């Protein structure tokens, strides 16, 4: 959970600064806590997947299985600024798409800010 939180906060600070002002970024970061991630990781039907390079978490995605709608909802996807634009996010999305296919879901929905 610590590594996920670190990726999330650094991605917001460094990759979102051209789209959001400082007060918006500070508000967004203020909601991110290790405890919040631990709670989400324990939720039924909620899955976290991490991308690692050299045993270091460089990205993550979290998604929710909506069995009623037969879809996966991607709730978050963040990549460390050091590894941005190197295919990490694409790999995470492909993994989630494959999970949805295995479950015979009809769609993958993304909830995104940028």
PDB file of N, CA and C in Angstrom:
ATOM      1  N   UNK A   1       0.825  -1.197   0.000  1.00  0.00           N
ATOM      2  CA  UNK A   1       0.000   0.000   0.000  1.00  0.00           C
ATOM      3  C   UNK A   1       0.868   1.260   0.000  1.00  0.00           C
ATOM      4  N   UNK A   2       2.018   1.207   0.669  1.00  0.00           N
ATOM      5  CA  UNK A   2       2.917   2.367   0.676  1.00  0.00           C
ATOM      6  C   UNK A   2       3.392   2.702  -0.730  1.00  0.00           C
ATOM      7  N   UNK A   3       3.798   1.688  -1.471  1.00  0.00           N
ATOM      8  CA  UNK A   3       4.316   1.913  -2.821  1.00  0.00           C
ATOM      9  C   UNK A   3       3.231   2.460  -3.745  1.00  0.00           C
ATOM     10  N   UNK A   4       2.023   1.936  -3.609  1.00  0.00           N
ATOM     11  CA  UNK A   4       0.899   2.427  -4.416  1.00  0.00           C
ATOM     12  C   UNK A   4       0.629   3.885  -4.095  1.00  0.00           C
ATOM     13  N   UNK A   5       0.599   4.211  -2.817  1.00  0.00           N
ATOM     14  CA  UNK A   5       0.369   5.589  -2.405  1.00  0.00           C
ATOM     15  C   UNK A   5       1.459   6.509  -2.952  1.00  0.00           C
ATOM     16  N   UNK A   6       2.706   6.075  -2.886  1.00  0.00           N
ATOM     17  CA  UNK A   6       3.812   6.898  -3.394  1.00  0.00           C
ATOM     18  C   UNK A   6       3.684   7.158  -4.890  1.00  0.00           C
ATOM     19  N   UNK A   7       3.335   6.128  -5.657  1.00  0.00           N
ATOM     20  CA  UNK A   7       3.141   6.306  -7.098  1.00  0.00           C
ATOM     21  C   UNK A   7       1.995   7.274  -7.355  1.00  0.00           C
ATOM     22  N   UNK A   8       0.897   7.084  -6.641  1.00  0.00           N
ATOM     23  CA  UNK A   8      -0.280   7.924  -6.835  1.00  0.00           C
ATOM     24  C   UNK A   8       0.044   9.395  -6.573  1.00  0.00           C
ATOM     25  N   UNK A   9       0.647   9.680  -5.439  1.00  0.00           N
ATOM     26  CA  UNK A   9       0.943  11.064  -5.073  1.00  0.00           C
ATOM     27  C   UNK A   9       1.956  11.691  -6.040  1.00  0.00           C
ATOM     28  N   UNK A  10       3.004  10.971  -6.392  1.00  0.00           N
ATOM     29  CA  UNK A  10       3.997  11.546  -7.310  1.00  0.00           C
ATOM     30  C   UNK A  10       3.411  11.771  -8.700  1.00  0.00           C
ATOM     31  N   UNK A  11       2.553  10.876  -9.153  1.00  0.00           N
ATOM     32  CA  UNK A  11       1.909  11.064 -10.460  1.00  0.00           C
ATOM     33  C   UNK A  11       1.020  12.303 -10.458  1.00  0.00           C
ATOM     34  N   UNK A  12       0.261  12.486  -9.391  1.00  0.00           N
ATOM     35  CA  UNK A  12      -0.601  13.672  -9.299  1.00  0.00           C
ATOM     36  C   UNK A  12       0.251  14.942  -9.279  1.00  0.00           C
ATOM     37  N   UNK A  13       1.262  14.960  -8.430  1.00  0.00           N
ATOM     38  CA  UNK A  13       2.115  16.156  -8.291  1.00  0.00           C
ATOM     39  C   UNK A  13       2.816  16.525  -9.597  1.00  0.00           C
ATOM     40  N   UNK A  14       3.373  15.526 -10.270  1.00  0.00           N
ATOM     41  CA  UNK A  14       4.245  15.821 -11.403  1.00  0.00           C
ATOM     42  C   UNK A  14       3.571  15.740 -12.769  1.00  0.00           C
ATOM     43  N   UNK A  15       2.590  14.875 -12.914  1.00  0.00           N
ATOM     44  CA  UNK A  15       1.992  14.698 -14.243  1.00  0.00           C
ATOM     45  C   UNK A  15       0.697  15.485 -14.427  1.00  0.00           C
ATOM     46  N   UNK A  16       0.089  15.891 -13.342  1.00  0.00           N
ATOM     47  CA  UNK A  16      -1.189  16.607 -13.448  1.00  0.00           C
ATOM     48  C   UNK A  16      -1.045  18.114 -13.262  1.00  0.00           C
ATOM     49  N   UNK A  17       0.167  18.577 -12.994  1.00  0.00           N
ATOM     50  CA  UNK A  17       0.369  19.985 -12.662  1.00  0.00           C
ATOM     51  C   UNK A  17       0.071  20.937 -13.819  1.00  0.00           C
ATOM     52  N   UNK A  18       0.069  20.440 -15.036  1.00  0.00           N
ATOM     53  CA  UNK A  18      -0.251  21.326 -16.166  1.00  0.00           C
ATOM     54  C   UNK A  18      -1.755  21.413 -16.423  1.00  0.00           C
ATOM     55  N   UNK A  19      -2.537  20.575 -15.750  1.00  0.00           N
ATOM     56  CA  UNK A  19      -3.976  20.558 -15.963  1.00  0.00           C
ATOM     57  C   UNK A  19      -4.781  21.038 -14.757  1.00  0.00           C
ATOM     58  N   UNK A  20      -4.141  21.073 -13.600  1.00  0.00           N
ATOM     59  CA  UNK A  20      -4.817  21.472 -12.362  1.00  0.00           C
ATOM     60  C   UNK A  20      -3.964  22.493 -11.637  1.00  0.00           C
ATOM     61  N   UNK A  21      -4.627  23.416 -10.912  1.00  0.00           N
ATOM     62  CA  UNK A  21      -3.846  24.383 -10.146  1.00  0.00           C
ATOM     63  C   UNK A  21      -3.378  23.749  -8.832  1.00  0.00           C
ATOM     64  N   UNK A  22      -2.500  24.449  -8.144  1.00  0.00           N
ATOM     65  CA  UNK A  22      -1.868  23.913  -6.945  1.00  0.00           C
ATOM     66  C   UNK A  22      -2.885  23.555  -5.863  1.00  0.00           C
ATOM     67  N   UNK A  23      -3.915  24.360  -5.683  1.00  0.00           N
ATOM     68  CA  UNK A  23      -4.909  24.059  -4.648  1.00  0.00           C
ATOM     69  C   UNK A  23      -5.690  22.786  -4.981  1.00  0.00           C
ATOM     70  N   UNK A  24      -5.992  22.574  -6.245  1.00  0.00           N
ATOM     71  CA  UNK A  24      -6.673  21.346  -6.653  1.00  0.00           C
ATOM     72  C   UNK A  24      -5.779  20.131  -6.426  1.00  0.00           C
ATOM     73  N   UNK A  25      -4.502  20.252  -6.759  1.00  0.00           N
ATOM     74  CA  UNK A  25      -3.568  19.145  -6.569  1.00  0.00           C
ATOM     75  C   UNK A  25      -3.418  18.823  -5.087  1.00  0.00           C
ATOM     76  N   UNK A  26      -3.269  19.839  -4.251  1.00  0.00           N
ATOM     77  CA  UNK A  26      -3.130  19.605  -2.808  1.00  0.00           C
ATOM     78  C   UNK A  26      -4.385  18.959  -2.228  1.00  0.00           C
ATOM     79  N   UNK A  27      -5.543  19.365  -2.706  1.00  0.00           N
ATOM     80  CA  UNK A  27      -6.794  18.755  -2.249  1.00  0.00           C
ATOM     81  C   UNK A  27      -6.858  17.289  -2.656  1.00  0.00           C
ATOM     82  N   UNK A  28      -6.471  17.008  -3.879  1.00  0.00           N
ATOM     83  CA  UNK A  28      -6.483  15.651  -4.411  1.00  0.00           C
ATOM     84  C   UNK A  28      -5.514  14.763  -3.628  1.00  0.00           C
ATOM     85  N   UNK A  29      -4.307  15.255  -3.437  1.00  0.00           N
ATOM     86  CA  UNK A  29      -3.298  14.491  -2.704  1.00  0.00           C
ATOM     87  C   UNK A  29      -3.725  14.264  -1.264  1.00  0.00           C
ATOM     88  N   UNK A  30      -4.385  15.240  -0.683  1.00  0.00           N
ATOM     89  CA  UNK A  30      -4.806  15.136   0.714  1.00  0.00           C
ATOM     90  C   UNK A  30      -5.746  13.982   0.991  1.00  0.00           C
ATOM     91  N   UNK A  31      -6.438  13.520  -0.031  1.00  0.00           N
ATOM     92  CA  UNK A  31      -7.372  12.388   0.132  1.00  0.00           C
ATOM     93  C   UNK A  31      -6.667  11.038   0.055  1.00  0.00           C
ATOM     94  N   UNK A  32      -5.421  11.035  -0.394  1.00  0.00           N
ATOM     95  CA  UNK A  32      -4.707   9.767  -0.593  1.00  0.00           C
ATOM     96  C   UNK A  32      -3.974   9.368   0.679  1.00  0.00           C
ATOM     97  N   UNK A  33      -4.331   8.215   1.221  1.00  0.00           N
ATOM     98  CA  UNK A  33      -3.645   7.702   2.402  1.00  0.00           C
ATOM     99  C   UNK A  33      -3.385   6.210   2.228  1.00  0.00           C
ATOM    100  N   UNK A  34      -2.383   5.735   2.915  1.00  0.00           N
ATOM    101  CA  UNK A  34      -2.076   4.310   2.887  1.00  0.00           C
ATOM    102  C   UNK A  34      -3.266   3.519   3.429  1.00  0.00           C
ATOM    103  N   UNK A  35      -3.880   4.017   4.481  1.00  0.00           N
ATOM    104  CA  UNK A  35      -5.035   3.329   5.075  1.00  0.00           C
ATOM    105  C   UNK A  35      -6.190   3.196   4.084  1.00  0.00           C
ATOM    106  N   UNK A  36      -6.385   4.220   3.274  1.00  0.00           N
ATOM    107  CA  UNK A  36      -7.445   4.170   2.254  1.00  0.00           C
ATOM    108  C   UNK A  36      -7.173   3.038   1.266  1.00  0.00           C
ATOM    109  N   UNK A  37      -5.905   2.901   0.863  1.00  0.00           N
ATOM    110  CA  UNK A  37      -5.567   1.832  -0.071  1.00  0.00           C
ATOM    111  C   UNK A  37      -5.719   0.458   0.560  1.00  0.00           C
ATOM    112  N   UNK A  38      -5.320   0.337   1.803  1.00  0.00           N
ATOM    113  CA  UNK A  38      -5.470  -0.950   2.489  1.00  0.00           C
ATOM    114  C   UNK A  38      -6.940  -1.343   2.525  1.00  0.00           C
ATOM    115  N   UNK A  39      -7.814  -0.395   2.852  1.00  0.00           N
ATOM    116  CA  UNK A  39      -9.249  -0.679   2.892  1.00  0.00           C
ATOM    117  C   UNK A  39      -9.777  -1.079   1.518  1.00  0.00           C
ATOM    118  N   UNK A  40      -9.369  -0.361   0.474  1.00  0.00           N
ATOM    119  CA  UNK A  40      -9.811  -0.710  -0.878  1.00  0.00           C
ATOM    120  C   UNK A  40      -9.313  -2.090  -1.295  1.00  0.00           C
ATOM    121  N   UNK A  41      -8.084  -2.403  -0.914  1.00  0.00           N
ATOM    122  CA  UNK A  41      -7.512  -3.697  -1.293  1.00  0.00           C
ATOM    123  C   UNK A  41      -8.243  -4.858  -0.636  1.00  0.00           C
ATOM    124  N   UNK A  42      -8.925  -4.584   0.452  1.00  0.00           N
ATOM    125  CA  UNK A  42      -9.660  -5.631   1.162  1.00  0.00           C
ATOM    126  C   UNK A  42     -11.104  -5.771   0.684  1.00  0.00           C
ATOM    127  N   UNK A  43     -11.579  -4.830  -0.114  1.00  0.00           N
ATOM    128  CA  UNK A  43     -12.964  -4.880  -0.581  1.00  0.00           C
ATOM    129  C   UNK A  43     -13.189  -6.038  -1.546  1.00  0.00           C
ATOM    130  N   UNK A  44     -14.325  -6.687  -1.373  1.00  0.00           N
ATOM    131  CA  UNK A  44     -14.720  -7.752  -2.291  1.00  0.00           C
ATOM    132  C   UNK A  44     -14.974  -7.125  -3.663  1.00  0.00           C
ATOM    133  N   UNK A  45     -14.573  -7.823  -4.698  1.00  0.00           N
ATOM    134  CA  UNK A  45     -14.767  -7.398  -6.085  1.00  0.00           C
ATOM    135  C   UNK A  45     -13.922  -6.199  -6.496  1.00  0.00           C
ATOM    136  N   UNK A  46     -13.018  -5.756  -5.635  1.00  0.00           N
ATOM    137  CA  UNK A  46     -12.127  -4.645  -5.959  1.00  0.00           C
ATOM    138  C   UNK A  46     -10.717  -5.215  -6.068  1.00  0.00           C
ATOM    139  N   UNK A  47     -10.048  -4.939  -7.164  1.00  0.00           N
ATOM    140  CA  UNK A  47      -8.737  -5.538  -7.422  1.00  0.00           C
ATOM    141  C   UNK A  47      -7.704  -4.457  -7.695  1.00  0.00           C
ATOM    142  N   UNK A  48      -6.519  -4.649  -7.149  1.00  0.00           N
ATOM    143  CA  UNK A  48      -5.370  -3.806  -7.453  1.00  0.00           C
ATOM    144  C   UNK A  48      -4.368  -4.651  -8.215  1.00  0.00           C
ATOM    145  N   UNK A  49      -3.769  -4.058  -9.223  1.00  0.00           N
ATOM    146  CA  UNK A  49      -2.696  -4.717  -9.955  1.00  0.00           C
ATOM    147  C   UNK A  49      -1.560  -3.697 -10.058  1.00  0.00           C
ATOM    148  N   UNK A  50      -0.337  -4.164  -9.827  1.00  0.00           N
ATOM    149  CA  UNK A  50       0.798  -3.256  -9.881  1.00  0.00           C
ATOM    150  C   UNK A  50       1.739  -3.650 -11.009  1.00  0.00           C
ATOM    151  N   UNK A  51       2.429  -2.651 -11.523  1.00  0.00           N
ATOM    152  CA  UNK A  51       3.490  -2.872 -12.507  1.00  0.00           C
ATOM    153  C   UNK A  51       4.808  -2.651 -11.788  1.00  0.00           C
ATOM    154  N   UNK A  52       5.718  -3.603 -11.977  1.00  0.00           N
ATOM    155  CA  UNK A  52       7.018  -3.506 -11.335  1.00  0.00           C
ATOM    156  C   UNK A  52       8.136  -3.543 -12.367  1.00  0.00           C
ATOM    157  N   UNK A  53       9.163  -2.773 -12.105  1.00  0.00           N
ATOM    158  CA  UNK A  53      10.401  -2.822 -12.872  1.00  0.00           C
ATOM    159  C   UNK A  53      11.523  -2.896 -11.844  1.00  0.00           C
ATOM    160  N   UNK A  54      12.359  -3.898 -11.979  1.00  0.00           N
ATOM    161  CA  UNK A  54      13.455  -4.121 -11.025  1.00  0.00           C
ATOM    162  C   UNK A  54      12.946  -4.153  -9.581  1.00  0.00           C
ATOM    163  N   UNK A  55      11.850  -4.875  -9.364  1.00  0.00           N
ATOM    164  CA  UNK A  55      11.245  -5.055  -8.041  1.00  0.00           C
ATOM    165  C   UNK A  55      10.757  -3.751  -7.406  1.00  0.00           C
ATOM    166  N   UNK A  56      10.488  -2.749  -8.220  1.00  0.00           N
ATOM    167  CA  UNK A  56       9.981  -1.471  -7.743  1.00  0.00           C
ATOM    168  C   UNK A  56       8.619  -1.217  -8.384  1.00  0.00           C
ATOM    169  N   UNK A  57       7.640  -0.846  -7.579  1.00  0.00           N
ATOM    170  CA  UNK A  57       6.316  -0.519  -8.111  1.00  0.00           C
ATOM    171  C   UNK A  57       6.420   0.791  -8.878  1.00  0.00           C
ATOM    172  N   UNK A  58       6.084   0.738 -10.170  1.00  0.00           N
ATOM    173  CA  UNK A  58       6.181   1.916 -11.034  1.00  0.00           C
ATOM    174  C   UNK A  58       4.818   2.348 -11.571  1.00  0.00           C
ATOM    175  N   UNK A  59       3.794   1.583 -11.248  1.00  0.00           N
ATOM    176  CA  UNK A  59       2.449   1.925 -11.679  1.00  0.00           C
ATOM    177  C   UNK A  59       1.465   0.989 -11.031  1.00  0.00           C
ATOM    178  N   UNK A  60       0.196   1.406 -11.053  1.00  0.00           N
ATOM    179  CA  UNK A  60      -0.852   0.539 -10.529  1.00  0.00           C
ATOM    180  C   UNK A  60      -2.182   0.913 -11.163  1.00  0.00           C
ATOM    181  N   UNK A  61      -3.076  -0.027 -11.099  1.00  0.00           N
ATOM    182  CA  UNK A  61      -4.461   0.218 -11.495  1.00  0.00           C
ATOM    183  C   UNK A  61      -5.342  -0.470 -10.470  1.00  0.00           C
ATOM    184  N   UNK A  62      -6.486   0.117 -10.214  1.00  0.00           N
ATOM    185  CA  UNK A  62      -7.469  -0.557  -9.380  1.00  0.00           C
ATOM    186  C   UNK A  62      -8.782  -0.590 -10.141  1.00  0.00           C
ATOM    187  N   UNK A  63      -9.449  -1.728 -10.028  1.00  0.00           N
ATOM    188  CA  UNK A  63     -10.689  -1.895 -10.769  1.00  0.00           C
ATOM    189  C   UNK A  63     -11.700  -2.689  -9.965  1.00  0.00           C
ATOM    190  N   UNK A  64     -12.939  -2.536 -10.362  1.00  0.00           N
ATOM    191  CA  UNK A  64     -14.069  -3.125  -9.671  1.00  0.00           C
ATOM    192  C   UNK A  64     -14.829  -4.014 -10.639  1.00  0.00           C
ATOM    193  N   UNK A  65     -15.136  -5.219 -10.194  1.00  0.00           N
ATOM    194  CA  UNK A  65     -15.977  -6.125 -10.987  1.00  0.00           C
ATOM    195  C   UNK A  65     -17.439  -5.791 -10.733  1.00  0.00           C
ATOM    196  N   UNK A  66     -18.131  -5.354 -11.763  1.00  0.00           N
ATOM    197  CA  UNK A  66     -19.569  -5.105 -11.659  1.00  0.00           C
ATOM    198  C   UNK A  66     -20.266  -6.261 -12.360  1.00  0.00           C
ATOM    199  N   UNK A  67     -20.548  -7.280 -11.593  1.00  0.00           N
ATOM    200  CA  UNK A  67     -21.133  -8.493 -12.173  1.00  0.00           C
ATOM    201  C   UNK A  67     -22.519  -8.243 -12.755  1.00  0.00           C
ATOM    202  N   UNK A  68     -23.268  -7.349 -12.134  1.00  0.00           N
ATOM    203  CA  UNK A  68     -24.612  -7.052 -12.620  1.00  0.00           C
ATOM    204  C   UNK A  68     -24.580  -6.466 -14.035  1.00  0.00           C
ATOM    205  N   UNK A  69     -23.642  -5.555 -14.290  1.00  0.00           N
ATOM    206  CA  UNK A  69     -23.513  -4.931 -15.606  1.00  0.00           C
ATOM    207  C   UNK A  69     -22.583  -5.719 -16.534  1.00  0.00           C
ATOM    208  N   UNK A  70     -21.982  -6.783 -15.990  1.00  0.00           N
ATOM    209  CA  UNK A  70     -21.023  -7.597 -16.744  1.00  0.00           C
ATOM    210  C   UNK A  70     -19.907  -6.730 -17.319  1.00  0.00           C
ATOM    211  N   UNK A  71     -19.321  -5.928 -16.436  1.00  0.00           N
ATOM    212  CA  UNK A  71     -18.233  -5.075 -16.874  1.00  0.00           C
ATOM    213  C   UNK A  71     -17.230  -4.864 -15.741  1.00  0.00           C
ATOM    214  N   UNK A  72     -16.052  -4.452 -16.135  1.00  0.00           N
ATOM    215  CA  UNK A  72     -15.021  -4.038 -15.202  1.00  0.00           C
ATOM    216  C   UNK A  72     -14.969  -2.514 -15.257  1.00  0.00           C
ATOM    217  N   UNK A  73     -14.915  -1.888 -14.090  1.00  0.00           N
ATOM    218  CA  UNK A  73     -14.794  -0.436 -14.009  1.00  0.00           C
ATOM    219  C   UNK A  73     -13.399  -0.097 -13.495  1.00  0.00           C
ATOM    220  N   UNK A  74     -12.596   0.522 -14.333  1.00  0.00           N
ATOM    221  CA  UNK A  74     -11.271   0.967 -13.907  1.00  0.00           C
ATOM    222  C   UNK A  74     -11.469   2.250 -13.111  1.00  0.00           C
ATOM    223  N   UNK A  75     -11.130   2.182 -11.836  1.00  0.00           N
ATOM    224  CA  UNK A  75     -11.330   3.316 -10.939  1.00  0.00           C
ATOM    225  C   UNK A  75     -10.109   4.227 -10.877  1.00  0.00           C
ATOM    226  N   UNK A  76      -8.942   3.667 -11.121  1.00  0.00           N
ATOM    227  CA  UNK A  76      -7.727   4.471 -11.078  1.00  0.00           C
ATOM    228  C   UNK A  76      -6.605   3.778 -11.815  1.00  0.00           C
ATOM    229  N   UNK A  77      -5.745   4.575 -12.414  1.00  0.00           N
ATOM    230  CA  UNK A  77      -4.561   4.054 -13.090  1.00  0.00           C
ATOM    231  C   UNK A  77      -3.518   5.161 -13.041  1.00  0.00           C
ATOM    232  N   UNK A  78      -2.408   4.869 -12.383  1.00  0.00           N
ATOM    233  CA  UNK A  78      -1.360   5.869 -12.214  1.00  0.00           C
ATOM    234  C   UNK A  78      -0.005   5.237 -12.487  1.00  0.00           C
ATOM    235  N   UNK A  79       0.880   6.036 -13.058  1.00  0.00           N
ATOM    236  CA  UNK A  79       2.236   5.589 -13.375  1.00  0.00           C
ATOM    237  C   UNK A  79       3.212   6.595 -12.784  1.00  0.00           C
ATOM    238  N   UNK A  80       4.291   6.085 -12.217  1.00  0.00           N
ATOM    239  CA  UNK A  80       5.346   6.941 -11.690  1.00  0.00           C
ATOM    240  C   UNK A  80       5.840   7.858 -12.800  1.00  0.00           C
ATOM    241  N   UNK A  81       6.046   9.133 -12.504  1.00  0.00           N
ATOM    242  CA  UNK A  81       6.517  10.058 -13.535  1.00  0.00           C
ATOM    243  C   UNK A  81       7.801   9.595 -14.226  1.00  0.00           C
ATOM    244  N   UNK A  82       8.668   8.918 -13.512  1.00  0.00           N
ATOM    245  CA  UNK A  82       9.914   8.417 -14.090  1.00  0.00           C
ATOM    246  C   UNK A  82       9.659   7.421 -15.217  1.00  0.00           C
ATOM    247  N   UNK A  83       8.522   6.716 -15.152  1.00  0.00           N
ATOM    248  CA  UNK A  83       8.214   5.675 -16.128  1.00  0.00           C
ATOM    249  C   UNK A  83       7.035   6.035 -17.040  1.00  0.00           C
ATOM    250  N   UNK A  84       6.606   7.274 -16.986  1.00  0.00           N
ATOM    251  CA  UNK A  84       5.494   7.714 -17.829  1.00  0.00           C
ATOM    252  C   UNK A  84       5.869   7.618 -19.304  1.00  0.00           C
ATOM    253  N   UNK A  85       4.899   7.303 -20.121  1.00  0.00           N
ATOM    254  CA  UNK A  85       5.047   7.221 -21.577  1.00  0.00           C
ATOM    255  C   UNK A  85       6.018   6.133 -22.025  1.00  0.00           C
ATOM    256  N   UNK A  86       6.095   5.072 -21.212  1.00  0.00           N
ATOM    257  CA  UNK A  86       6.962   3.948 -21.564  1.00  0.00           C
ATOM    258  C   UNK A  86       6.172   2.638 -21.657  1.00  0.00           C
ATOM    259  N   UNK A  87       4.843   2.729 -21.737  1.00  0.00           N
ATOM    260  CA  UNK A  87       4.029   1.532 -21.917  1.00  0.00           C
ATOM    261  C   UNK A  87       3.520   0.888 -20.637  1.00  0.00           C
ATOM    262  N   UNK A  88       3.847   1.465 -19.493  1.00  0.00           N
ATOM    263  CA  UNK A  88       3.400   0.886 -18.221  1.00  0.00           C
ATOM    264  C   UNK A  88       1.876   0.941 -18.114  1.00  0.00           C
ATOM    265  N   UNK A  89       1.300   2.087 -18.375  1.00  0.00           N
ATOM    266  CA  UNK A  89      -0.160   2.231 -18.309  1.00  0.00           C
ATOM    267  C   UNK A  89      -0.856   1.336 -19.322  1.00  0.00           C
ATOM    268  N   UNK A  90      -0.312   1.266 -20.502  1.00  0.00           N
ATOM    269  CA  UNK A  90      -0.874   0.406 -21.546  1.00  0.00           C
ATOM    270  C   UNK A  90      -0.874  -1.057 -21.100  1.00  0.00           C
ATOM    271  N   UNK A  91       0.209  -1.478 -20.481  1.00  0.00           N
ATOM    272  CA  UNK A  91       0.295  -2.862 -19.991  1.00  0.00           C
ATOM    273  C   UNK A  91      -0.749  -3.133 -18.909  1.00  0.00           C
ATOM    274  N   UNK A  92      -0.959  -2.174 -18.034  1.00  0.00           N
ATOM    275  CA  UNK A  92      -1.971  -2.341 -16.986  1.00  0.00           C
ATOM    276  C   UNK A  92      -3.371  -2.460 -17.592  1.00  0.00           C
ATOM    277  N   UNK A  93      -3.669  -1.614 -18.560  1.00  0.00           N
ATOM    278  CA  UNK A  93      -4.987  -1.679 -19.213  1.00  0.00           C
ATOM    279  C   UNK A  93      -5.157  -3.007 -19.939  1.00  0.00           C
ATOM    280  N   UNK A  94      -4.155  -3.457 -20.615  1.00  0.00           N
ATOM    281  CA  UNK A  94      -4.252  -4.746 -21.317  1.00  0.00           C
ATOM    282  C   UNK A  94      -4.492  -5.896 -20.347  1.00  0.00           C
ATOM    283  N   UNK A  95      -3.854  -5.849 -19.197  1.00  0.00           N
ATOM    284  CA  UNK A  95      -4.082  -6.876 -18.180  1.00  0.00           C
ATOM    285  C   UNK A  95      -5.547  -6.873 -17.740  1.00  0.00           C
ATOM    286  N   UNK A  96      -6.081  -5.694 -17.488  1.00  0.00           N
ATOM    287  CA  UNK A  96      -7.479  -5.586 -17.049  1.00  0.00           C
ATOM    288  C   UNK A  96      -8.423  -6.045 -18.155  1.00  0.00           C
ATOM    289  N   UNK A  97      -8.132  -5.687 -19.390  1.00  0.00           N
ATOM    290  CA  UNK A  97      -8.954  -6.155 -20.509  1.00  0.00           C
ATOM    291  C   UNK A  97      -8.945  -7.679 -20.593  1.00  0.00           C
ATOM    292  N   UNK A  98      -7.793  -8.271 -20.379  1.00  0.00           N
ATOM    293  CA  UNK A  98      -7.702  -9.737 -20.408  1.00  0.00           C
ATOM    294  C   UNK A  98      -8.523 -10.355 -19.283  1.00  0.00           C
ATOM    295  N   UNK A  99      -8.488  -9.742 -18.104  1.00  0.00           N
ATOM    296  CA  UNK A  99      -9.309 -10.225 -16.986  1.00  0.00           C
ATOM    297  C   UNK A  99     -10.793 -10.163 -17.334  1.00  0.00           C
ATOM    298  N   UNK A 100     -11.208  -9.077 -17.950  1.00  0.00           N
ATOM    299  CA  UNK A 100     -12.606  -8.924 -18.342  1.00  0.00           C
ATOM    300  C   UNK A 100     -13.004  -9.980 -19.371  1.00  0.00           C
ATOM    301  N   UNK A 101     -12.112 -10.280 -20.294  1.00  0.00           N
ATOM    302  CA  UNK A 101     -12.374 -11.288 -21.319  1.00  0.00           C
ATOM    303  C   UNK A 101     -12.534 -12.664 -20.690  1.00  0.00           C
ATOM    304  N   UNK A 102     -11.659 -13.003 -19.763  1.00  0.00           N
ATOM    305  CA  UNK A 102     -11.736 -14.300 -19.083  1.00  0.00           C
ATOM    306  C   UNK A 102     -13.071 -14.443 -18.349  1.00  0.00           C
ATOM    307  N   UNK A 103     -13.565 -13.345 -17.803  1.00  0.00           N
ATOM    308  CA  UNK A 103     -14.829 -13.370 -17.053  1.00  0.00           C
ATOM    309  C   UNK A 103     -16.047 -13.252 -17.968  1.00  0.00           C
ATOM    310  N   UNK A 104     -15.800 -13.136 -19.264  1.00  0.00           N
ATOM    311  CA  UNK A 104     -16.869 -12.996 -20.265  1.00  0.00           C
ATOM    312  C   UNK A 104     -17.696 -11.732 -20.049  1.00  0.00           C
ATOM    313  N   UNK A 105     -17.040 -10.683 -19.582  1.00  0.00           N
ATOM    314  CA  UNK A 105     -17.726  -9.412 -19.407  1.00  0.00           C
ATOM    315  C   UNK A 105     -17.877  -8.732 -20.759  1.00  0.00           C
ATOM    316  N   UNK A 106     -18.886  -7.872 -20.844  1.00  0.00           N
ATOM    317  CA  UNK A 106     -19.191  -7.203 -22.104  1.00  0.00           C
ATOM    318  C   UNK A 106     -18.349  -5.954 -22.340  1.00  0.00           C
ATOM    319  N   UNK A 107     -17.869  -5.331 -21.252  1.00  0.00           N
ATOM    320  CA  UNK A 107     -17.167  -4.066 -21.443  1.00  0.00           C
ATOM    321  C   UNK A 107     -16.205  -3.755 -20.292  1.00  0.00           C
ATOM    322  N   UNK A 108     -15.345  -2.789 -20.584  1.00  0.00           N
ATOM    323  CA  UNK A 108     -14.449  -2.213 -19.591  1.00  0.00           C
ATOM    324  C   UNK A 108     -14.738  -0.717 -19.597  1.00  0.00           C
ATOM    325  N   UNK A 109     -15.058  -0.161 -18.436  1.00  0.00           N
ATOM    326  CA  UNK A 109     -15.356   1.250 -18.328  1.00  0.00           C
ATOM    327  C   UNK A 109     -14.215   1.928 -17.572  1.00  0.00           C
ATOM    328  N   UNK A 110     -13.855   3.118 -18.015  1.00  0.00           N
ATOM    329  CA  UNK A 110     -12.784   3.871 -17.371  1.00  0.00           C
ATOM    330  C   UNK A 110     -13.363   5.145 -16.773  1.00  0.00           C
ATOM    331  N   UNK A 111     -13.031   5.376 -15.530  1.00  0.00           N
ATOM    332  CA  UNK A 111     -13.373   6.630 -14.873  1.00  0.00           C
ATOM    333  C   UNK A 111     -12.078   7.414 -14.781  1.00  0.00           C
ATOM    334  N   UNK A 112     -11.981   8.543 -15.507  1.00  0.00           N
ATOM    335  CA  UNK A 112     -10.695   9.223 -15.627  1.00  0.00           C
ATOM    336  C   UNK A 112     -10.834  10.726 -15.411  1.00  0.00           C
ATOM    337  N   UNK A 113      -9.709  11.324 -14.996  1.00  0.00           N
ATOM    338  CA  UNK A 113      -9.638  12.774 -14.843  1.00  0.00           C
ATOM    339  C   UNK A 113      -8.927  13.421 -16.016  1.00  0.00           C
ATOM    340  N   UNK A 114      -7.975  12.743 -16.596  1.00  0.00           N
ATOM    341  CA  UNK A 114      -7.243  13.298 -17.744  1.00  0.00           C
ATOM    342  C   UNK A 114      -7.355  12.361 -18.920  1.00  0.00           C
TER     343      UNK A 114
END
